[in-house]
Amino acid sequence: MDNQSHPENQRSENSNTTLMENEFTKQAHWSPMVVLIAVLLAILIILATTGNLVVCRLVWVCRRMQIPSFYFVASMSFSDFLMGLLVMPISLGYHISYQTTGKDTL
């Protein structure tokens, strides 16, 4: 049977389309505060990854810095580099998702 033969089916399809359009317009709302926080977090991610990568490379290349205390600094810097590379972008995604949709999941 066709959808055209049953007006109830047409109404339900129209209401589903309207619900989807309403949900899309709700998701597309970006306030200036959300944009500002997202930009600041993106800058922080870039600074954290590049700064910690520079420290790791400095300890790796510079012969005078290859002592146990600087190995500890390089170890901490490498773990911070991984945080900036792996964890902070996911946190940024969750923040944007929560602020724009009100839901906790991506």
PDB file of N, CA and C in Angstrom:
ATOM      1  N   MET A   1       0.831  -1.178   0.000  1.00  0.00           N
ATOM      2  CA  MET A   1       0.000   0.000   0.000  1.00  0.00           C
ATOM      3  C   MET A   1       0.877   1.243   0.000  1.00  0.00           C
ATOM      4  N   ASP A   2       0.398   2.248  -0.635  1.00  0.00           N
ATOM      5  CA  ASP A   2       1.116   3.508  -0.733  1.00  0.00           C
ATOM      6  C   ASP A   2       0.895   4.376   0.491  1.00  0.00           C
ATOM      7  N   ASN A   3       1.853   5.245   0.743  1.00  0.00           N
ATOM      8  CA  ASN A   3       1.677   6.217   1.819  1.00  0.00           C
ATOM      9  C   ASN A   3       0.596   7.235   1.475  1.00  0.00           C
ATOM     10  N   GLN A   4       0.377   7.447   0.178  1.00  0.00           N
ATOM     11  CA  GLN A   4      -0.610   8.429  -0.245  1.00  0.00           C
ATOM     12  C   GLN A   4      -2.028   7.960   0.027  1.00  0.00           C
ATOM     13  N   SER A   5      -2.240   6.655   0.113  1.00  0.00           N
ATOM     14  CA  SER A   5      -3.580   6.148   0.360  1.00  0.00           C
ATOM     15  C   SER A   5      -3.995   6.300   1.813  1.00  0.00           C
ATOM     16  N   HIS A   6      -3.045   6.516   2.710  1.00  0.00           N
ATOM     17  CA  HIS A   6      -3.338   6.679   4.132  1.00  0.00           C
ATOM     18  C   HIS A   6      -2.880   8.049   4.611  1.00  0.00           C
ATOM     19  N   PRO A   7      -3.813   8.937   4.909  1.00  0.00           N
ATOM     20  CA  PRO A   7      -3.410  10.274   5.378  1.00  0.00           C
ATOM     21  C   PRO A   7      -2.712  10.247   6.732  1.00  0.00           C
ATOM     22  N   GLU A   8      -2.945   9.200   7.550  1.00  0.00           N
ATOM     23  CA  GLU A   8      -2.268   9.136   8.852  1.00  0.00           C
ATOM     24  C   GLU A   8      -0.766   9.009   8.677  1.00  0.00           C
ATOM     25  N   ASN A   9      -0.346   8.236   7.664  1.00  0.00           N
ATOM     26  CA  ASN A   9       1.081   8.059   7.418  1.00  0.00           C
ATOM     27  C   ASN A   9       1.730   9.366   6.998  1.00  0.00           C
ATOM     28  N   GLN A  10       1.008  10.145   6.213  1.00  0.00           N
ATOM     29  CA  GLN A  10       1.556  11.431   5.802  1.00  0.00           C
ATOM     30  C   GLN A  10       1.711  12.359   7.000  1.00  0.00           C
ATOM     31  N   ARG A  11       0.748  12.350   7.899  1.00  0.00           N
ATOM     32  CA  ARG A  11       0.856  13.188   9.089  1.00  0.00           C
ATOM     33  C   ARG A  11       2.029  12.771   9.958  1.00  0.00           C
ATOM     34  N   SER A  12       2.240  11.466  10.125  1.00  0.00           N
ATOM     35  CA  SER A  12       3.338  11.024  10.977  1.00  0.00           C
ATOM     36  C   SER A  12       4.681  11.337  10.346  1.00  0.00           C
ATOM     37  N   GLU A  13       4.776  11.237   9.010  1.00  0.00           N
ATOM     38  CA  GLU A  13       6.029  11.596   8.355  1.00  0.00           C
ATOM     39  C   GLU A  13       6.297  13.085   8.499  1.00  0.00           C
ATOM     40  N   ASN A  14       5.263  13.905   8.360  1.00  0.00           N
ATOM     41  CA  ASN A  14       5.434  15.351   8.517  1.00  0.00           C
ATOM     42  C   ASN A  14       5.837  15.706   9.941  1.00  0.00           C
ATOM     43  N   SER A  15       5.256  15.043  10.926  1.00  0.00           N
ATOM     44  CA  SER A  15       5.609  15.345  12.308  1.00  0.00           C
ATOM     45  C   SER A  15       7.030  14.891  12.616  1.00  0.00           C
ATOM     46  N   ASN A  16       7.463  13.748  12.030  1.00  0.00           N
ATOM     47  CA  ASN A  16       8.844  13.309  12.221  1.00  0.00           C
ATOM     48  C   ASN A  16       9.811  14.301  11.593  1.00  0.00           C
ATOM     49  N   THR A  17       9.460  14.802  10.421  1.00  0.00           N
ATOM     50  CA  THR A  17      10.310  15.791   9.758  1.00  0.00           C
ATOM     51  C   THR A  17      10.396  17.058  10.592  1.00  0.00           C
ATOM     52  N   THR A  18       9.278  17.473  11.149  1.00  0.00           N
ATOM     53  CA  THR A  18       9.265  18.678  11.984  1.00  0.00           C
ATOM     54  C   THR A  18      10.106  18.473  13.238  1.00  0.00           C
ATOM     55  N   LEU A  19      10.014  17.294  13.851  1.00  0.00           N
ATOM     56  CA  LEU A  19      10.831  17.015  15.034  1.00  0.00           C
ATOM     57  C   LEU A  19      12.303  17.046  14.698  1.00  0.00           C
ATOM     58  N   MET A  20      12.671  16.468  13.556  1.00  0.00           N
ATOM     59  CA  MET A  20      14.070  16.453  13.156  1.00  0.00           C
ATOM     60  C   MET A  20      14.559  17.871  12.858  1.00  0.00           C
ATOM     61  N   GLU A  21      13.706  18.687  12.224  1.00  0.00           N
ATOM     62  CA  GLU A  21      14.099  20.067  11.955  1.00  0.00           C
ATOM     63  C   GLU A  21      14.266  20.855  13.245  1.00  0.00           C
ATOM     64  N   ASN A  22      13.373  20.632  14.213  1.00  0.00           N
ATOM     65  CA  ASN A  22      13.488  21.320  15.500  1.00  0.00           C
ATOM     66  C   ASN A  22      14.749  20.913  16.232  1.00  0.00           C
ATOM     67  N   GLU A  23      15.077  19.617  16.188  1.00  0.00           N
ATOM     68  CA  GLU A  23      16.291  19.145  16.855  1.00  0.00           C
ATOM     69  C   GLU A  23      17.519  19.722  16.175  1.00  0.00           C
ATOM     70  N   PHE A  24      17.499  19.820  14.841  1.00  0.00           N
ATOM     71  CA  PHE A  24      18.640  20.382  14.128  1.00  0.00           C
ATOM     72  C   PHE A  24      18.833  21.847  14.479  1.00  0.00           C
ATOM     73  N   THR A  25      17.753  22.607  14.543  1.00  0.00           N
ATOM     74  CA  THR A  25      17.899  24.020  14.878  1.00  0.00           C
ATOM     75  C   THR A  25      18.374  24.195  16.313  1.00  0.00           C
ATOM     76  N   LYS A  26      17.982  23.267  17.206  1.00  0.00           N
ATOM     77  CA  LYS A  26      18.459  23.343  18.587  1.00  0.00           C
ATOM     78  C   LYS A  26      19.955  23.048  18.642  1.00  0.00           C
ATOM     79  N   GLN A  27      20.441  22.111  17.830  1.00  0.00           N
ATOM     80  CA  GLN A  27      21.847  21.747  17.840  1.00  0.00           C
ATOM     81  C   GLN A  27      22.715  22.818  17.196  1.00  0.00           C
ATOM     82  N   ALA A  28      22.159  23.587  16.279  1.00  0.00           N
ATOM     83  CA  ALA A  28      22.955  24.550  15.544  1.00  0.00           C
ATOM     84  C   ALA A  28      23.179  25.852  16.318  1.00  0.00           C
ATOM     85  N   HIS A  29      22.626  25.989  17.525  1.00  0.00           N
ATOM     86  CA  HIS A  29      22.758  27.223  18.289  1.00  0.00           C
ATOM     87  C   HIS A  29      24.132  27.295  18.958  1.00  0.00           C
ATOM     88  N   TRP A  30      24.923  28.260  18.541  1.00  0.00           N
ATOM     89  CA  TRP A  30      26.251  28.486  19.121  1.00  0.00           C
ATOM     90  C   TRP A  30      26.248  29.888  19.718  1.00  0.00           C
ATOM     91  N   SER A  31      26.315  29.949  21.031  1.00  0.00           N
ATOM     92  CA  SER A  31      26.384  31.259  21.668  1.00  0.00           C
ATOM     93  C   SER A  31      27.824  31.770  21.596  1.00  0.00           C
ATOM     94  N   PRO A  32      28.024  33.061  21.757  1.00  0.00           N
ATOM     95  CA  PRO A  32      29.390  33.602  21.717  1.00  0.00           C
ATOM     96  C   PRO A  32      30.288  33.026  22.819  1.00  0.00           C
ATOM     97  N   MET A  33      29.689  32.682  23.970  1.00  0.00           N
ATOM     98  CA  MET A  33      30.486  32.105  25.057  1.00  0.00           C
ATOM     99  C   MET A  33      31.011  30.722  24.676  1.00  0.00           C
ATOM    100  N   VAL A  34      30.189  29.925  23.986  1.00  0.00           N
ATOM    101  CA  VAL A  34      30.623  28.595  23.547  1.00  0.00           C
ATOM    102  C   VAL A  34      31.773  28.730  22.558  1.00  0.00           C
ATOM    103  N   VAL A  35      31.662  29.657  21.636  1.00  0.00           N
ATOM    104  CA  VAL A  35      32.726  29.862  20.651  1.00  0.00           C
ATOM    105  C   VAL A  35      34.000  30.335  21.336  1.00  0.00           C
ATOM    106  N   LEU A  36      33.877  31.256  22.278  1.00  0.00           N
ATOM    107  CA  LEU A  36      35.047  31.767  22.990  1.00  0.00           C
ATOM    108  C   LEU A  36      35.755  30.662  23.771  1.00  0.00           C
ATOM    109  N   ILE A  37      35.000  29.851  24.499  1.00  0.00           N
ATOM    110  CA  ILE A  37      35.601  28.761  25.272  1.00  0.00           C
ATOM    111  C   ILE A  37      36.219  27.728  24.347  1.00  0.00           C
ATOM    112  N   ALA A  38      35.565  27.424  23.231  1.00  0.00           N
ATOM    113  CA  ALA A  38      36.112  26.452  22.284  1.00  0.00           C
ATOM    114  C   ALA A  38      37.419  26.950  21.682  1.00  0.00           C
ATOM    115  N   VAL A  39      37.478  28.225  21.340  1.00  0.00           N
ATOM    116  CA  VAL A  39      38.712  28.786  20.778  1.00  0.00           C
ATOM    117  C   VAL A  39      39.827  28.787  21.813  1.00  0.00           C
ATOM    118  N   LEU A  40      39.507  29.168  23.047  1.00  0.00           N
ATOM    119  CA  LEU A  40      40.531  29.160  24.106  1.00  0.00           C
ATOM    120  C   LEU A  40      41.037  27.750  24.387  1.00  0.00           C
ATOM    121  N   LEU A  41      40.132  26.771  24.397  1.00  0.00           N
ATOM    122  CA  LEU A  41      40.571  25.388  24.607  1.00  0.00           C
ATOM    123  C   LEU A  41      41.412  24.894  23.443  1.00  0.00           C
ATOM    124  N   ALA A  42      41.068  25.285  22.226  1.00  0.00           N
ATOM    125  CA  ALA A  42      41.874  24.882  21.072  1.00  0.00           C
ATOM    126  C   ALA A  42      43.274  25.488  21.146  1.00  0.00           C
ATOM    127  N   ILE A  43      43.356  26.756  21.548  1.00  0.00           N
ATOM    128  CA  ILE A  43      44.671  27.392  21.716  1.00  0.00           C
ATOM    129  C   ILE A  43      45.461  26.694  22.818  1.00  0.00           C
ATOM    130  N   LEU A  44      44.791  26.345  23.921  1.00  0.00           N
ATOM    131  CA  LEU A  44      45.459  25.641  25.011  1.00  0.00           C
ATOM    132  C   LEU A  44      45.973  24.272  24.562  1.00  0.00           C
ATOM    133  N   ILE A  45      45.199  23.578  23.748  1.00  0.00           N
ATOM    134  CA  ILE A  45      45.628  22.272  23.230  1.00  0.00           C
ATOM    135  C   ILE A  45      46.880  22.435  22.374  1.00  0.00           C
ATOM    136  N   ILE A  46      46.877  23.424  21.501  1.00  0.00           N
ATOM    137  CA  ILE A  46      48.034  23.645  20.629  1.00  0.00           C
ATOM    138  C   ILE A  46      49.263  24.021  21.444  1.00  0.00           C
ATOM    139  N   LEU A  47      49.096  24.912  22.415  1.00  0.00           N
ATOM    140  CA  LEU A  47      50.238  25.312  23.245  1.00  0.00           C
ATOM    141  C   LEU A  47      50.759  24.161  24.097  1.00  0.00           C
ATOM    142  N   ALA A  48      49.862  23.359  24.643  1.00  0.00           N
ATOM    143  CA  ALA A  48      50.287  22.241  25.499  1.00  0.00           C
ATOM    144  C   ALA A  48      51.057  21.198  24.700  1.00  0.00           C
ATOM    145  N   THR A  49      50.565  20.871  23.519  1.00  0.00           N
ATOM    146  CA  THR A  49      51.256  19.839  22.738  1.00  0.00           C
ATOM    147  C   THR A  49      52.595  20.342  22.215  1.00  0.00           C
ATOM    148  N   THR A  50      52.630  21.549  21.676  1.00  0.00           N
ATOM    149  CA  THR A  50      53.897  22.029  21.125  1.00  0.00           C
ATOM    150  C   THR A  50      54.916  22.322  22.228  1.00  0.00           C
ATOM    151  N   GLY A  51      54.487  22.936  23.321  1.00  0.00           N
ATOM    152  CA  GLY A  51      55.428  23.248  24.404  1.00  0.00           C
ATOM    153  C   GLY A  51      56.036  22.008  25.021  1.00  0.00           C
ATOM    154  N   ASN A  52      55.211  21.017  25.288  1.00  0.00           N
ATOM    155  CA  ASN A  52      55.737  19.790  25.884  1.00  0.00           C
ATOM    156  C   ASN A  52      56.577  18.991  24.899  1.00  0.00           C
ATOM    157  N   LEU A  53      56.239  19.072  23.619  1.00  0.00           N
ATOM    158  CA  LEU A  53      57.065  18.403  22.619  1.00  0.00           C
ATOM    159  C   LEU A  53      58.438  19.065  22.517  1.00  0.00           C
ATOM    160  N   VAL A  54      58.489  20.382  22.655  1.00  0.00           N
ATOM    161  CA  VAL A  54      59.772  21.099  22.634  1.00  0.00           C
ATOM    162  C   VAL A  54      60.637  20.680  23.821  1.00  0.00           C
ATOM    163  N   VAL A  55      60.035  20.556  25.000  1.00  0.00           N
ATOM    164  CA  VAL A  55      60.803  20.137  26.183  1.00  0.00           C
ATOM    165  C   VAL A  55      61.346  18.722  25.988  1.00  0.00           C
ATOM    166  N   CYS A  56      60.518  17.815  25.485  1.00  0.00           N
ATOM    167  CA  CYS A  56      60.992  16.434  25.250  1.00  0.00           C
ATOM    168  C   CYS A  56      62.127  16.405  24.238  1.00  0.00           C
ATOM    169  N   ARG A  57      61.991  17.184  23.168  1.00  0.00           N
ATOM    170  CA  ARG A  57      63.038  17.201  22.146  1.00  0.00           C
ATOM    171  C   ARG A  57      64.319  17.827  22.692  1.00  0.00           C
ATOM    172  N   LEU A  58      64.179  18.836  23.519  1.00  0.00           N
ATOM    173  CA  LEU A  58      65.353  19.485  24.101  1.00  0.00           C
ATOM    174  C   LEU A  58      66.146  18.520  24.973  1.00  0.00           C
ATOM    175  N   VAL A  59      65.443  17.750  25.792  1.00  0.00           N
ATOM    176  CA  VAL A  59      66.139  16.775  26.642  1.00  0.00           C
ATOM    177  C   VAL A  59      66.741  15.666  25.789  1.00  0.00           C
ATOM    178  N   TRP A  60      66.076  15.302  24.710  1.00  0.00           N
ATOM    179  CA  TRP A  60      66.568  14.232  23.846  1.00  0.00           C
ATOM    180  C   TRP A  60      67.821  14.656  23.083  1.00  0.00           C
ATOM    181  N   VAL A  61      67.859  15.912  22.606  1.00  0.00           N
ATOM    182  CA  VAL A  61      68.943  16.358  21.734  1.00  0.00           C
ATOM    183  C   VAL A  61      70.125  16.929  22.509  1.00  0.00           C
ATOM    184  N   CYS A  62      69.856  17.751  23.502  1.00  0.00           N
ATOM    185  CA  CYS A  62      70.917  18.447  24.222  1.00  0.00           C
ATOM    186  C   CYS A  62      71.634  17.473  25.172  1.00  0.00           C
ATOM    187  N   ARG A  63      72.915  17.312  24.979  1.00  0.00           N
ATOM    188  CA  ARG A  63      73.705  16.344  25.745  1.00  0.00           C
ATOM    189  C   ARG A  63      73.808  16.737  27.220  1.00  0.00           C
ATOM    190  N   ARG A  64      73.887  18.022  27.518  1.00  0.00           N
ATOM    191  CA  ARG A  64      74.028  18.474  28.899  1.00  0.00           C
ATOM    192  C   ARG A  64      72.775  18.209  29.727  1.00  0.00           C
ATOM    193  N   MET A  65      71.644  18.052  29.081  1.00  0.00           N
ATOM    194  CA  MET A  65      70.389  17.841  29.811  1.00  0.00           C
ATOM    195  C   MET A  65      70.047  16.370  29.981  1.00  0.00           C
ATOM    196  N   GLN A  66      70.928  15.493  29.622  1.00  0.00           N
ATOM    197  CA  GLN A  66      70.651  14.066  29.757  1.00  0.00           C
ATOM    198  C   GLN A  66      71.168  13.543  31.093  1.00  0.00           C
ATOM    199  N   ILE A  67      70.555  14.057  32.154  1.00  0.00           N
ATOM    200  CA  ILE A  67      70.839  13.603  33.515  1.00  0.00           C
ATOM    201  C   ILE A  67      69.516  13.141  34.120  1.00  0.00           C
ATOM    202  N   PRO A  68      69.571  12.351  35.190  1.00  0.00           N
ATOM    203  CA  PRO A  68      68.324  11.768  35.726  1.00  0.00           C
ATOM    204  C   PRO A  68      67.237  12.773  36.078  1.00  0.00           C
ATOM    205  N   SER A  69      67.602  13.930  36.602  1.00  0.00           N
ATOM    206  CA  SER A  69      66.554  14.891  36.962  1.00  0.00           C
ATOM    207  C   SER A  69      65.842  15.436  35.724  1.00  0.00           C
ATOM    208  N   PHE A  70      66.546  15.625  34.640  1.00  0.00           N
ATOM    209  CA  PHE A  70      65.896  16.090  33.415  1.00  0.00           C
ATOM    210  C   PHE A  70      65.123  14.965  32.722  1.00  0.00           C
ATOM    211  N   TYR A  71      65.545  13.714  32.947  1.00  0.00           N
ATOM    212  CA  TYR A  71      64.731  12.596  32.431  1.00  0.00           C
ATOM    213  C   TYR A  71      63.357  12.593  33.104  1.00  0.00           C
ATOM    214  N   PHE A  72      63.333  12.932  34.376  1.00  0.00           N
ATOM    215  CA  PHE A  72      62.057  13.025  35.082  1.00  0.00           C
ATOM    216  C   PHE A  72      61.204  14.154  34.498  1.00  0.00           C
ATOM    217  N   VAL A  73      61.820  15.287  34.219  1.00  0.00           N
ATOM    218  CA  VAL A  73      61.103  16.408  33.599  1.00  0.00           C
ATOM    219  C   VAL A  73      60.592  16.011  32.219  1.00  0.00           C
ATOM    220  N   ALA A  74      61.415  15.306  31.450  1.00  0.00           N
ATOM    221  CA  ALA A  74      60.992  14.868  30.122  1.00  0.00           C
ATOM    222  C   ALA A  74      59.854  13.865  30.215  1.00  0.00           C
ATOM    223  N   SER A  75      59.882  13.013  31.224  1.00  0.00           N
ATOM    224  CA  SER A  75      58.801  12.048  31.414  1.00  0.00           C
ATOM    225  C   SER A  75      57.483  12.751  31.715  1.00  0.00           C
ATOM    226  N   MET A  76      57.533  13.725  32.595  1.00  0.00           N
ATOM    227  CA  MET A  76      56.315  14.496  32.893  1.00  0.00           C
ATOM    228  C   MET A  76      55.852  15.281  31.672  1.00  0.00           C
ATOM    229  N   SER A  77      56.784  15.820  30.938  1.00  0.00           N
ATOM    230  CA  SER A  77      56.444  16.573  29.746  1.00  0.00           C
ATOM    231  C   SER A  77      55.816  15.669  28.682  1.00  0.00           C
ATOM    232  N   PHE A  78      56.315  14.445  28.559  1.00  0.00           N
ATOM    233  CA  PHE A  78      55.745  13.508  27.588  1.00  0.00           C
ATOM    234  C   PHE A  78      54.324  13.111  27.978  1.00  0.00           C
ATOM    235  N   SER A  79      54.084  12.906  29.275  1.00  0.00           N
ATOM    236  CA  SER A  79      52.719  12.564  29.696  1.00  0.00           C
ATOM    237  C   SER A  79      51.772  13.752  29.478  1.00  0.00           C
ATOM    238  N   ASP A  80      52.243  14.968  29.706  1.00  0.00           N
ATOM    239  CA  ASP A  80      51.422  16.153  29.416  1.00  0.00           C
ATOM    240  C   ASP A  80      51.182  16.311  27.912  1.00  0.00           C
ATOM    241  N   PHE A  81      52.189  15.959  27.111  1.00  0.00           N
ATOM    242  CA  PHE A  81      52.024  15.988  25.658  1.00  0.00           C
ATOM    243  C   PHE A  81      50.918  15.026  25.228  1.00  0.00           C
ATOM    244  N   LEU A  82      50.907  13.834  25.791  1.00  0.00           N
ATOM    245  CA  LEU A  82      49.855  12.869  25.454  1.00  0.00           C
ATOM    246  C   LEU A  82      48.488  13.351  25.926  1.00  0.00           C
ATOM    247  N   MET A  83      48.442  14.018  27.072  1.00  0.00           N
ATOM    248  CA  MET A  83      47.170  14.595  27.534  1.00  0.00           C
ATOM    249  C   MET A  83      46.660  15.637  26.537  1.00  0.00           C
ATOM    250  N   GLY A  84      47.551  16.492  26.078  1.00  0.00           N
ATOM    251  CA  GLY A  84      47.156  17.512  25.111  1.00  0.00           C
ATOM    252  C   GLY A  84      46.789  16.942  23.755  1.00  0.00           C
ATOM    253  N   LEU A  85      47.377  15.815  23.419  1.00  0.00           N
ATOM    254  CA  LEU A  85      47.132  15.215  22.112  1.00  0.00           C
ATOM    255  C   LEU A  85      45.895  14.322  22.102  1.00  0.00           C
ATOM    256  N   LEU A  86      45.652  13.601  23.191  1.00  0.00           N
ATOM    257  CA  LEU A  86      44.574  12.616  23.202  1.00  0.00           C
ATOM    258  C   LEU A  86      43.366  13.011  24.046  1.00  0.00           C
ATOM    259  N   VAL A  87      43.585  13.520  25.232  1.00  0.00           N
ATOM    260  CA  VAL A  87      42.479  13.744  26.163  1.00  0.00           C
ATOM    261  C   VAL A  87      41.804  15.101  25.947  1.00  0.00           C
ATOM    262  N   MET A  88      42.588  16.139  25.773  1.00  0.00           N
ATOM    263  CA  MET A  88      42.000  17.471  25.676  1.00  0.00           C
ATOM    264  C   MET A  88      41.108  17.670  24.442  1.00  0.00           C
ATOM    265  N   PRO A  89      41.438  17.112  23.259  1.00  0.00           N
ATOM    266  CA  PRO A  89      40.499  17.243  22.138  1.00  0.00           C
ATOM    267  C   PRO A  89      39.162  16.539  22.396  1.00  0.00           C
ATOM    268  N   ILE A  90      39.188  15.417  23.085  1.00  0.00           N
ATOM    269  CA  ILE A  90      37.940  14.730  23.430  1.00  0.00           C
ATOM    270  C   ILE A  90      37.147  15.582  24.411  1.00  0.00           C
ATOM    271  N   SER A  91      37.834  16.187  25.361  1.00  0.00           N
ATOM    272  CA  SER A  91      37.173  17.084  26.303  1.00  0.00           C
ATOM    273  C   SER A  91      36.568  18.289  25.587  1.00  0.00           C
ATOM    274  N   LEU A  92      37.266  18.817  24.606  1.00  0.00           N
ATOM    275  CA  LEU A  92      36.730  19.922  23.815  1.00  0.00           C
ATOM    276  C   LEU A  92      35.469  19.495  23.071  1.00  0.00           C
ATOM    277  N   GLY A  93      35.485  18.296  22.509  1.00  0.00           N
ATOM    278  CA  GLY A  93      34.306  17.786  21.813  1.00  0.00           C
ATOM    279  C   GLY A  93      33.118  17.625  22.744  1.00  0.00           C
ATOM    280  N   TYR A  94      33.367  17.090  23.938  1.00  0.00           N
ATOM    281  CA  TYR A  94      32.287  16.959  24.923  1.00  0.00           C
ATOM    282  C   TYR A  94      31.757  18.327  25.343  1.00  0.00           C
ATOM    283  N   HIS A  95      32.643  19.279  25.527  1.00  0.00           N
ATOM    284  CA  HIS A  95      32.204  20.618  25.927  1.00  0.00           C
ATOM    285  C   HIS A  95      31.307  21.236  24.856  1.00  0.00           C
ATOM    286  N   ILE A  96      31.732  21.161  23.605  1.00  0.00           N
ATOM    287  CA  ILE A  96      30.940  21.737  22.521  1.00  0.00           C
ATOM    288  C   ILE A  96      29.609  21.005  22.393  1.00  0.00           C
ATOM    289  N   SER A  97      29.637  19.686  22.500  1.00  0.00           N
ATOM    290  CA  SER A  97      28.409  18.899  22.386  1.00  0.00           C
ATOM    291  C   SER A  97      27.439  19.241  23.510  1.00  0.00           C
ATOM    292  N   TYR A  98      27.938  19.358  24.706  1.00  0.00           N
ATOM    293  CA  TYR A  98      27.060  19.647  25.853  1.00  0.00           C
ATOM    294  C   TYR A  98      26.505  21.066  25.774  1.00  0.00           C
ATOM    295  N   GLN A  99      27.329  22.020  25.387  1.00  0.00           N
ATOM    296  CA  GLN A  99      26.863  23.405  25.345  1.00  0.00           C
ATOM    297  C   GLN A  99      25.868  23.650  24.219  1.00  0.00           C
ATOM    298  N   THR A 100      26.000  22.921  23.108  1.00  0.00           N
ATOM    299  CA  THR A 100      25.102  23.172  21.986  1.00  0.00           C
ATOM    300  C   THR A 100      23.839  22.340  22.035  1.00  0.00           C
ATOM    301  N   THR A 101      23.901  21.120  22.589  1.00  0.00           N
ATOM    302  CA  THR A 101      22.720  20.250  22.588  1.00  0.00           C
ATOM    303  C   THR A 101      22.136  20.014  23.963  1.00  0.00           C
ATOM    304  N   GLY A 102      22.926  20.183  25.006  1.00  0.00           N
ATOM    305  CA  GLY A 102      22.461  19.895  26.350  1.00  0.00           C
ATOM    306  C   GLY A 102      22.604  18.439  26.730  1.00  0.00           C
ATOM    307  N   LYS A 103      23.220  17.640  25.862  1.00  0.00           N
ATOM    308  CA  LYS A 103      23.432  16.221  26.133  1.00  0.00           C
ATOM    309  C   LYS A 103      24.892  15.992  26.497  1.00  0.00           C
ATOM    310  N   ASP A 104      25.143  14.960  27.317  1.00  0.00           N
ATOM    311  CA  ASP A 104      26.507  14.682  27.769  1.00  0.00           C
ATOM    312  C   ASP A 104      27.329  13.872  26.768  1.00  0.00           C
ATOM    313  N   THR A 105      26.710  13.250  25.797  1.00  0.00           N
ATOM    314  CA  THR A 105      27.447  12.374  24.897  1.00  0.00           C
ATOM    315  C   THR A 105      27.691  13.047  23.576  1.00  0.00           C
ATOM    316  N   LEU A 106      28.727  12.541  22.875  1.00  0.00           N
ATOM    317  CA  LEU A 106      29.030  13.064  21.536  1.00  0.00           C
ATOM    318  C   LEU A 106      28.099  12.470  20.587  1.00  0.00           C
TER     319      LEU A 106
END
